[in-house]
PDB file of N, CA and C in Angstrom:
ATOM      1  N   MET A   1     135.340 113.686  90.536  1.00  0.00           N
ATOM      2  CA  MET A   1     135.181 113.596  91.887  1.00  0.00           C
ATOM      3  C   MET A   1     134.255 113.019  92.978  1.00  0.00           C
ATOM      4  N   ASN A   2     134.243 113.146  94.024  1.00  0.00           N
ATOM      5  CA  ASN A   2     133.790 111.538  95.456  1.00  0.00           C
ATOM      6  C   ASN A   2     132.890 112.081  95.039  1.00  0.00           C
ATOM      7  N   THR A   3     131.908 111.080  95.489  1.00  0.00           N
ATOM      8  CA  THR A   3     130.401 111.239  95.594  1.00  0.00           C
ATOM      9  C   THR A   3     129.772 111.913  96.641  1.00  0.00           C
ATOM     10  N   LEU A   4     130.771 112.799  97.476  1.00  0.00           N
ATOM     11  CA  LEU A   4     130.027 113.480  98.861  1.00  0.00           C
ATOM     12  C   LEU A   4     130.214 114.788  98.339  1.00  0.00           C
ATOM     13  N   THR A   5     130.874 115.150  96.622  1.00  0.00           N
ATOM     14  CA  THR A   5     130.901 116.030  95.602  1.00  0.00           C
ATOM     15  C   THR A   5     129.412 116.334  94.662  1.00  0.00           C
ATOM     16  N   ILE A   6     129.536 114.647  94.536  1.00  0.00           N
ATOM     17  CA  ILE A   6     128.099 114.796  93.442  1.00  0.00           C
ATOM     18  C   ILE A   6     126.803 115.194  94.141  1.00  0.00           C
ATOM     19  N   LYS A   7     127.000 113.727  95.317  1.00  0.00           N
ATOM     20  CA  LYS A   7     125.702 114.493  96.036  1.00  0.00           C
ATOM     21  C   LYS A   7     125.377 115.776  96.698  1.00  0.00           C
ATOM     22  N   LYS A   8     126.146 116.566  96.561  1.00  0.00           N
ATOM     23  CA  LYS A   8     125.973 118.213  96.994  1.00  0.00           C
ATOM     24  C   LYS A   8     125.354 118.876  95.977  1.00  0.00           C
ATOM     25  N   ILE A   9     125.866 118.206  94.379  1.00  0.00           N
ATOM     26  CA  ILE A   9     125.202 119.265  93.329  1.00  0.00           C
ATOM     27  C   ILE A   9     124.036 118.209  92.561  1.00  0.00           C
ATOM     28  N   ALA A  10     123.816 117.247  93.392  1.00  0.00           N
ATOM     29  CA  ALA A  10     122.592 117.129  92.705  1.00  0.00           C
ATOM     30  C   ALA A  10     121.592 117.632  93.622  1.00  0.00           C
ATOM     31  N   GLY A  11     122.152 117.673  94.681  1.00  0.00           N
ATOM     32  CA  GLY A  11     121.210 118.369  96.110  1.00  0.00           C
ATOM     33  C   GLY A  11     120.353 119.652  95.952  1.00  0.00           C
ATOM     34  N   ALA A  12     121.438 119.977  95.162  1.00  0.00           N
ATOM     35  CA  ALA A  12     122.067 122.327  94.774  1.00  0.00           C
ATOM     36  C   ALA A  12     121.346 122.195  93.105  1.00  0.00           C
ATOM     37  N   GLY A  13     120.801 120.558  92.625  1.00  0.00           N
ATOM     38  CA  GLY A  13     119.881 120.998  91.438  1.00  0.00           C
ATOM     39  C   GLY A  13     118.612 120.823  91.514  1.00  0.00           C
ATOM     40  N   ALA A  14     117.966 119.844  92.632  1.00  0.00           N
ATOM     41  CA  ALA A  14     117.110 119.212  93.261  1.00  0.00           C
ATOM     42  C   ALA A  14     116.198 120.449  94.072  1.00  0.00           C
ATOM     43  N   ILE A  15     117.110 121.349  95.066  1.00  0.00           N
ATOM     44  CA  ILE A  15     116.791 122.316  95.439  1.00  0.00           C
ATOM     45  C   ILE A  15     116.158 123.594  93.831  1.00  0.00           C
ATOM     46  N   ALA A  16     117.106 123.840  93.384  1.00  0.00           N
ATOM     47  CA  ALA A  16     116.711 124.817  91.993  1.00  0.00           C
ATOM     48  C   ALA A  16     115.712 124.362  91.088  1.00  0.00           C
ATOM     49  N   ALA A  17     115.733 123.263  90.911  1.00  0.00           N
ATOM     50  CA  ALA A  17     113.896 122.673  90.148  1.00  0.00           C
ATOM     51  C   ALA A  17     113.215 122.513  90.951  1.00  0.00           C
ATOM     52  N   LEU A  18     112.882 122.550  92.426  1.00  0.00           N
ATOM     53  CA  LEU A  18     112.052 123.123  93.306  1.00  0.00           C
ATOM     54  C   LEU A  18     111.701 123.969  92.931  1.00  0.00           C
ATOM     55  N   THR A  19     112.476 125.469  93.592  1.00  0.00           N
ATOM     56  CA  THR A  19     112.674 126.500  93.016  1.00  0.00           C
ATOM     57  C   THR A  19     111.045 127.248  92.243  1.00  0.00           C
ATOM     58  N   LEU A  20     112.551 127.016  91.276  1.00  0.00           N
ATOM     59  CA  LEU A  20     111.479 127.351  89.647  1.00  0.00           C
ATOM     60  C   LEU A  20     110.185 125.719  89.440  1.00  0.00           C
ATOM     61  N   ALA A  21     109.779 125.060  89.927  1.00  0.00           N
ATOM     62  CA  ALA A  21     108.738 124.354  90.003  1.00  0.00           C
ATOM     63  C   ALA A  21     107.840 125.329  90.830  1.00  0.00           C
ATOM     64  N   LEU A  22     107.939 125.657  91.696  1.00  0.00           N
ATOM     65  CA  LEU A  22     107.655 126.107  93.014  1.00  0.00           C
ATOM     66  C   LEU A  22     106.341 127.669  92.162  1.00  0.00           C
ATOM     67  N   GLY A  23     107.519 128.368  91.800  1.00  0.00           N
ATOM     68  CA  GLY A  23     107.617 129.980  91.078  1.00  0.00           C
ATOM     69  C   GLY A  23     106.582 129.800  89.508  1.00  0.00           C
ATOM     70  N   ALA A  24     106.853 128.530  88.723  1.00  0.00           N
ATOM     71  CA  ALA A  24     105.846 128.496  88.050  1.00  0.00           C
ATOM     72  C   ALA A  24     104.316 128.662  88.119  1.00  0.00           C
ATOM     73  N   CYS A  25     104.057 127.658  89.355  1.00  0.00           N
ATOM     74  CA  CYS A  25     102.625 127.474  89.534  1.00  0.00           C
ATOM     75  C   CYS A  25     102.005 129.028  90.190  1.00  0.00           C
ATOM     76  N   SER A  26     102.879 130.502  90.265  1.00  0.00           N
ATOM     77  CA  SER A  26     102.150 131.299  90.441  1.00  0.00           C
ATOM     78  C   SER A  26     100.665 132.052  89.901  1.00  0.00           C
ATOM     79  N   GLY A  27     100.631 131.116  88.503  1.00  0.00           N
ATOM     80  CA  GLY A  27      99.936 132.047  87.344  1.00  0.00           C
ATOM     81  C   GLY A  27      98.584 130.860  87.239  1.00  0.00           C
ATOM     82  N   MET A  28      98.571 129.448  88.062  1.00  0.00           N
ATOM     83  CA  MET A  28      98.334 127.995  88.121  1.00  0.00           C
ATOM     84  C   MET A  28      96.634 128.780  88.945  1.00  0.00           C
ATOM     85  N   THR A  29      95.519 128.002  88.485  1.00  0.00           N
ATOM     86  CA  THR A  29      94.134 127.951  88.794  1.00  0.00           C
ATOM     87  C   THR A  29      93.949 126.941  89.284  1.00  0.00           C
ATOM     88  N   ARG A  30      93.127 126.315  90.362  1.00  0.00           N
ATOM     89  CA  ARG A  30      93.397 125.384  90.985  1.00  0.00           C
ATOM     90  C   ARG A  30      93.676 123.805  90.286  1.00  0.00           C
ATOM     91  N   GLN A  31      92.789 123.837  89.402  1.00  0.00           N
ATOM     92  CA  GLN A  31      93.084 122.323  88.288  1.00  0.00           C
ATOM     93  C   GLN A  31      93.371 122.646  87.595  1.00  0.00           C
ATOM     94  N   ASP A  32      94.552 122.963  87.758  1.00  0.00           N
ATOM     95  CA  ASP A  32      95.935 122.974  87.399  1.00  0.00           C
ATOM     96  C   ASP A  32      97.167 122.783  87.992  1.00  0.00           C
ATOM     97  N   LYS A  33      97.112 123.255  89.885  1.00  0.00           N
ATOM     98  CA  LYS A  33      97.860 122.396  90.038  1.00  0.00           C
ATOM     99  C   LYS A  33      97.500 121.648  90.633  1.00  0.00           C
ATOM    100  N   ASN A  34      96.230 120.753  91.496  1.00  0.00           N
ATOM    101  CA  ASN A  34      95.855 119.969  91.250  1.00  0.00           C
ATOM    102  C   ASN A  34      96.117 119.014  90.439  1.00  0.00           C
ATOM    103  N   THR A  35      96.145 119.336  88.842  1.00  0.00           N
ATOM    104  CA  THR A  35      96.747 118.400  87.665  1.00  0.00           C
ATOM    105  C   THR A  35      98.591 118.174  88.038  1.00  0.00           C
ATOM    106  N   ALA A  36      99.385 118.711  88.291  1.00  0.00           N
ATOM    107  CA  ALA A  36     100.902 118.972  88.442  1.00  0.00           C
ATOM    108  C   ALA A  36     100.931 118.333  90.119  1.00  0.00           C
ATOM    109  N   ILE A  37     100.214 118.457  90.535  1.00  0.00           N
ATOM    110  CA  ILE A  37     100.503 118.016  91.687  1.00  0.00           C
ATOM    111  C   ILE A  37     100.063 116.184  92.015  1.00  0.00           C
ATOM    112  N   GLY A  38      98.930 115.832  91.376  1.00  0.00           N
ATOM    113  CA  GLY A  38      98.893 114.889  90.953  1.00  0.00           C
ATOM    114  C   GLY A  38      99.620 114.072  89.777  1.00  0.00           C
ATOM    115  N   ALA A  39     100.546 114.635  88.829  1.00  0.00           N
ATOM    116  CA  ALA A  39     101.085 113.956  88.006  1.00  0.00           C
ATOM    117  C   ALA A  39     102.183 114.004  88.959  1.00  0.00           C
ATOM    118  N   GLY A  40     102.399 114.802  89.903  1.00  0.00           N
ATOM    119  CA  GLY A  40     104.308 114.630  90.000  1.00  0.00           C
ATOM    120  C   GLY A  40     103.569 112.780  91.766  1.00  0.00           C
ATOM    121  N   ALA A  41     103.192 112.851  92.237  1.00  0.00           N
ATOM    122  CA  ALA A  41     102.751 112.462  93.293  1.00  0.00           C
ATOM    123  C   ALA A  41     102.358 110.295  92.759  1.00  0.00           C
ATOM    124  N   GLY A  42     102.231 110.512  91.174  1.00  0.00           N
ATOM    125  CA  GLY A  42     101.667 109.460  90.472  1.00  0.00           C
ATOM    126  C   GLY A  42     102.402 109.129  90.504  1.00  0.00           C
ATOM    127  N   ALA A  43     104.046 110.188  89.753  1.00  0.00           N
ATOM    128  CA  ALA A  43     105.020 109.535  89.316  1.00  0.00           C
ATOM    129  C   ALA A  43     106.102 108.992  90.173  1.00  0.00           C
ATOM    130  N   VAL A  44     105.676 109.873  91.662  1.00  0.00           N
ATOM    131  CA  VAL A  44     106.724 109.136  92.393  1.00  0.00           C
ATOM    132  C   VAL A  44     105.995 106.885  92.840  1.00  0.00           C
ATOM    133  N   GLY A  45     105.020 107.870  92.831  1.00  0.00           N
ATOM    134  CA  GLY A  45     104.227 106.247  93.175  1.00  0.00           C
ATOM    135  C   GLY A  45     104.572 105.378  92.160  1.00  0.00           C
ATOM    136  N   GLY A  46     104.315 105.552  91.019  1.00  0.00           N
ATOM    137  CA  GLY A  46     105.201 105.220  89.766  1.00  0.00           C
ATOM    138  C   GLY A  46     106.449 103.783  90.345  1.00  0.00           C
ATOM    139  N   ALA A  47     107.491 104.830  90.361  1.00  0.00           N
ATOM    140  CA  ALA A  47     108.516 104.802  90.248  1.00  0.00           C
ATOM    141  C   ALA A  47     108.551 103.939  91.629  1.00  0.00           C
ATOM    142  N   VAL A  48     108.369 103.975  92.879  1.00  0.00           N
ATOM    143  CA  VAL A  48     108.203 102.792  93.715  1.00  0.00           C
ATOM    144  C   VAL A  48     107.886 101.870  93.531  1.00  0.00           C
ATOM    145  N   LEU A  49     106.772 102.138  92.846  1.00  0.00           N
ATOM    146  CA  LEU A  49     105.594 100.889  92.757  1.00  0.00           C
ATOM    147  C   LEU A  49     106.655  99.754  92.142  1.00  0.00           C
ATOM    148  N   THR A  50     107.381 100.489  90.795  1.00  0.00           N
ATOM    149  CA  THR A  50     107.852  99.628  90.214  1.00  0.00           C
ATOM    150  C   THR A  50     109.041  99.291  90.242  1.00  0.00           C
ATOM    151  N   GLY A  51     109.572  99.998  91.356  1.00  0.00           N
ATOM    152  CA  GLY A  51     111.517  99.500  90.795  1.00  0.00           C
ATOM    153  C   GLY A  51     112.106 101.116  90.067  1.00  0.00           C
ATOM    154  N   GLY A  52     111.936 101.458  90.125  1.00  0.00           N
ATOM    155  CA  GLY A  52     112.231 102.647  89.534  1.00  0.00           C
ATOM    156  C   GLY A  52     112.797 102.151  87.620  1.00  0.00           C
ATOM    157  N   SER A  53     111.618 102.477  87.254  1.00  0.00           N
ATOM    158  CA  SER A  53     110.938 101.374  85.876  1.00  0.00           C
ATOM    159  C   SER A  53     110.586 103.101  85.220  1.00  0.00           C
ATOM    160  N   ALA A  54     111.044 103.367  84.173  1.00  0.00           N
ATOM    161  CA  ALA A  54     110.517 104.816  83.350  1.00  0.00           C
ATOM    162  C   ALA A  54     109.421 104.211  82.787  1.00  0.00           C
ATOM    163  N   LEU A  55     108.795 103.492  82.535  1.00  0.00           N
ATOM    164  CA  LEU A  55     106.643 103.103  81.996  1.00  0.00           C
ATOM    165  C   LEU A  55     106.420 103.149  83.453  1.00  0.00           C
ATOM    166  N   GLY A  56     106.655 102.678  84.469  1.00  0.00           N
ATOM    167  CA  GLY A  56     106.053 103.034  85.789  1.00  0.00           C
ATOM    168  C   GLY A  56     106.433 104.420  86.395  1.00  0.00           C
ATOM    169  N   THR A  57     106.996 104.827  85.864  1.00  0.00           N
ATOM    170  CA  THR A  57     106.985 106.435  86.709  1.00  0.00           C
ATOM    171  C   THR A  57     105.921 107.347  85.314  1.00  0.00           C
ATOM    172  N   VAL A  58     106.216 106.704  84.254  1.00  0.00           N
ATOM    173  CA  VAL A  58     105.587 107.774  83.247  1.00  0.00           C
ATOM    174  C   VAL A  58     104.269 107.552  83.614  1.00  0.00           C
ATOM    175  N   GLY A  59     103.631 106.068  83.424  1.00  0.00           N
ATOM    176  CA  GLY A  59     102.360 105.597  83.783  1.00  0.00           C
ATOM    177  C   GLY A  59     101.322 106.239  84.739  1.00  0.00           C
ATOM    178  N   GLY A  60     102.876 106.266  85.659  1.00  0.00           N
ATOM    179  CA  GLY A  60     101.959 106.268  87.461  1.00  0.00           C
ATOM    180  C   GLY A  60     101.412 108.091  87.254  1.00  0.00           C
ATOM    181  N   ALA A  61     102.641 108.920  86.649  1.00  0.00           N
ATOM    182  CA  ALA A  61     102.529 110.663  85.769  1.00  0.00           C
ATOM    183  C   ALA A  61     100.744 111.197  85.238  1.00  0.00           C
ATOM    184  N   ALA A  62     100.981 110.084  84.375  1.00  0.00           N
ATOM    185  CA  ALA A  62      99.885 110.133  83.979  1.00  0.00           C
ATOM    186  C   ALA A  62      98.335 110.259  84.581  1.00  0.00           C
ATOM    187  N   VAL A  63      98.219 108.464  85.225  1.00  0.00           N
ATOM    188  CA  VAL A  63      97.337 108.348  85.900  1.00  0.00           C
ATOM    189  C   VAL A  63      97.023 109.585  87.310  1.00  0.00           C
ATOM    190  N   GLY A  64      98.227 110.212  87.855  1.00  0.00           N
ATOM    191  CA  GLY A  64      98.367 110.746  89.057  1.00  0.00           C
ATOM    192  C   GLY A  64      97.844 111.722  87.960  1.00  0.00           C
ATOM    193  N   GLY A  65      98.211 113.032  87.273  1.00  0.00           N
ATOM    194  CA  GLY A  65      97.420 113.751  86.317  1.00  0.00           C
ATOM    195  C   GLY A  65      95.902 113.834  86.036  1.00  0.00           C
ATOM    196  N   VAL A  66      96.104 112.521  85.745  1.00  0.00           N
ATOM    197  CA  VAL A  66      94.408 112.626  85.122  1.00  0.00           C
ATOM    198  C   VAL A  66      93.478 112.431  86.440  1.00  0.00           C
ATOM    199  N   ILE A  67      93.493 111.891  87.703  1.00  0.00           N
ATOM    200  CA  ILE A  67      92.635 112.082  88.734  1.00  0.00           C
ATOM    201  C   ILE A  67      92.995 113.924  89.731  1.00  0.00           C
ATOM    202  N   GLY A  68      94.143 114.041  88.855  1.00  0.00           N
ATOM    203  CA  GLY A  68      93.831 114.993  89.683  1.00  0.00           C
ATOM    204  C   GLY A  68      93.120 116.352  89.213  1.00  0.00           C
ATOM    205  N   HIS A  69      94.012 115.958  87.992  1.00  0.00           N
ATOM    206  CA  HIS A  69      92.402 116.830  85.971  1.00  0.00           C
ATOM    207  C   HIS A  69      90.956 117.080  87.948  1.00  0.00           C
ATOM    208  N   GLU A  70      91.205 115.546  87.441  1.00  0.00           N
ATOM    209  CA  GLU A  70      89.614 115.255  87.744  1.00  0.00           C
ATOM    210  C   GLU A  70      88.738 115.950  89.644  1.00  0.00           C
ATOM    211  N   VAL A  71      89.670 115.344  90.143  1.00  0.00           N
ATOM    212  CA  VAL A  71      89.562 116.050  91.496  1.00  0.00           C
ATOM    213  C   VAL A  71      89.555 117.694  91.438  1.00  0.00           C
ATOM    214  N   GLY A  72      90.256 119.068  90.284  1.00  0.00           N
ATOM    215  CA  GLY A  72      90.450 119.922  90.548  1.00  0.00           C
ATOM    216  C   GLY A  72      88.950 120.794  89.769  1.00  0.00           C
ATOM    217  N   LYS A  73      88.061 119.435  88.829  1.00  0.00           N
ATOM    218  CA  LYS A  73      87.607 120.388  88.428  1.00  0.00           C
ATOM    219  C   LYS A  73      85.740 120.532  89.616  1.00  0.00           C
ATOM    220  N   ASP A  74      86.199 121.914  88.633  1.00  0.00           N
ATOM    221  CA  ASP A  74      84.694 122.795  89.918  1.00  0.00           C
ATOM    222  C   ASP A  74      83.173 121.980  89.676  1.00  0.00           C
ATOM    223  N   ARG A  75      82.790 121.626  90.863  1.00  0.00           N
ATOM    224  CA  ARG A  75      81.851 120.855  90.862  1.00  0.00           C
ATOM    225  C   ARG A  75      80.138 122.013  90.812  1.00  0.00           C
ATOM    226  N   ARG A  76      79.332 122.799  89.718  1.00  0.00           N
ATOM    227  CA  ARG A  76      78.624 123.621  89.733  1.00  0.00           C
ATOM    228  C   ARG A  76      76.747 122.313  89.810  1.00  0.00           C
TER     229      ARG A  76
END
Protein backbone atom coordinates (compact mmCIF):
# COMPACT_ATOMS: atom_id res chain seq x y z
CA MET A 1 0.00 0.00 0.00
CA ASN A 2 1.20 3.46 -0.70
CA THR A 3 1.08 6.35 1.75
CA LEU A 4 -1.89 8.07 0.07
CA THR A 5 -4.06 4.94 0.40
CA ILE A 6 -3.17 4.56 4.06
CA LYS A 7 -4.05 8.22 4.72
CA LYS A 8 -7.42 7.77 2.98
CA ILE A 9 -8.22 4.69 5.05
CA ALA A 10 -7.17 6.45 8.27
CA GLY A 11 -9.26 9.51 7.38
CA ALA A 12 -12.32 7.40 6.64
CA GLY A 13 -11.84 5.53 9.91
CA ALA A 14 -11.60 8.79 11.84
CA ILE A 15 -14.80 10.10 10.24
CA ALA A 16 -16.61 6.85 11.03
CA ALA A 17 -15.43 6.92 14.65
CA LEU A 18 -16.52 10.54 15.05
CA THR A 19 -19.95 9.76 13.59
CA LEU A 20 -20.44 6.81 15.95
CA ALA A 21 -19.23 8.82 18.93
CA LEU A 22 -21.64 11.66 18.23
CA GLY A 23 -24.52 9.22 17.81
CA ALA A 24 -23.73 7.68 21.17
CA CYS A 25 -24.19 11.07 22.86
CA SER A 26 -27.88 11.33 22.02
CA GLY A 27 -29.09 9.76 25.27
CA MET A 28 -26.54 11.41 27.55
CA THR A 29 -27.30 13.96 30.22
CA ARG A 30 -25.65 17.37 30.11
CA GLN A 31 -23.18 16.27 32.77
CA ASP A 32 -22.31 13.08 30.84
CA LYS A 33 -21.66 15.13 27.70
CA ASN A 34 -19.46 17.58 29.60
CA THR A 35 -17.50 14.66 31.06
CA ALA A 36 -16.96 13.13 27.61
CA ILE A 37 -15.96 16.47 26.08
CA GLY A 38 -13.59 17.16 28.96
CA ALA A 39 -11.99 13.73 28.61
CA GLY A 40 -11.53 14.18 24.87
CA ALA A 41 -10.05 17.64 25.21
CA GLY A 42 -7.84 16.49 28.07
CA ALA A 43 -6.56 13.56 26.03
CA VAL A 44 -5.64 15.83 23.14
CA GLY A 45 -4.01 18.33 25.50
CA GLY A 46 -2.10 15.63 27.34
CA ALA A 47 -0.86 14.14 24.08
CA VAL A 48 0.28 17.52 22.77
CA LEU A 49 2.02 18.53 26.00
CA THR A 50 3.89 15.21 26.34
CA GLY A 51 4.74 14.67 22.68
CA GLY A 52 2.29 11.82 22.20
CA SER A 53 3.12 9.88 25.36
CA ALA A 54 0.47 7.29 26.25
CA LEU A 55 0.72 8.20 29.93
CA GLY A 56 0.26 11.90 29.13
CA THR A 57 -2.75 11.14 26.94
CA VAL A 58 -4.44 8.95 29.54
CA GLY A 59 -3.60 11.38 32.34
CA GLY A 60 -4.98 14.29 30.34
CA ALA A 61 -8.16 12.36 29.62
CA ALA A 62 -8.62 11.56 33.31
CA VAL A 63 -8.06 15.15 34.43
CA GLY A 64 -10.24 16.53 31.64
CA GLY A 65 -13.02 14.07 32.44
CA VAL A 66 -13.02 15.05 36.11
CA ILE A 67 -13.09 18.75 35.24
CA GLY A 68 -15.89 18.22 32.71
CA HIS A 69 -17.85 16.20 35.25
CA GLU A 70 -17.55 18.89 37.91
CA VAL A 71 -18.40 21.71 35.49
CA GLY A 72 -21.49 19.79 34.35
CA LYS A 73 -22.96 19.39 37.84
CA ASP A 74 -26.29 21.05 38.45
CA ARG A 75 -25.94 23.92 40.86
CA ARG A 76 -28.99 23.92 43.14
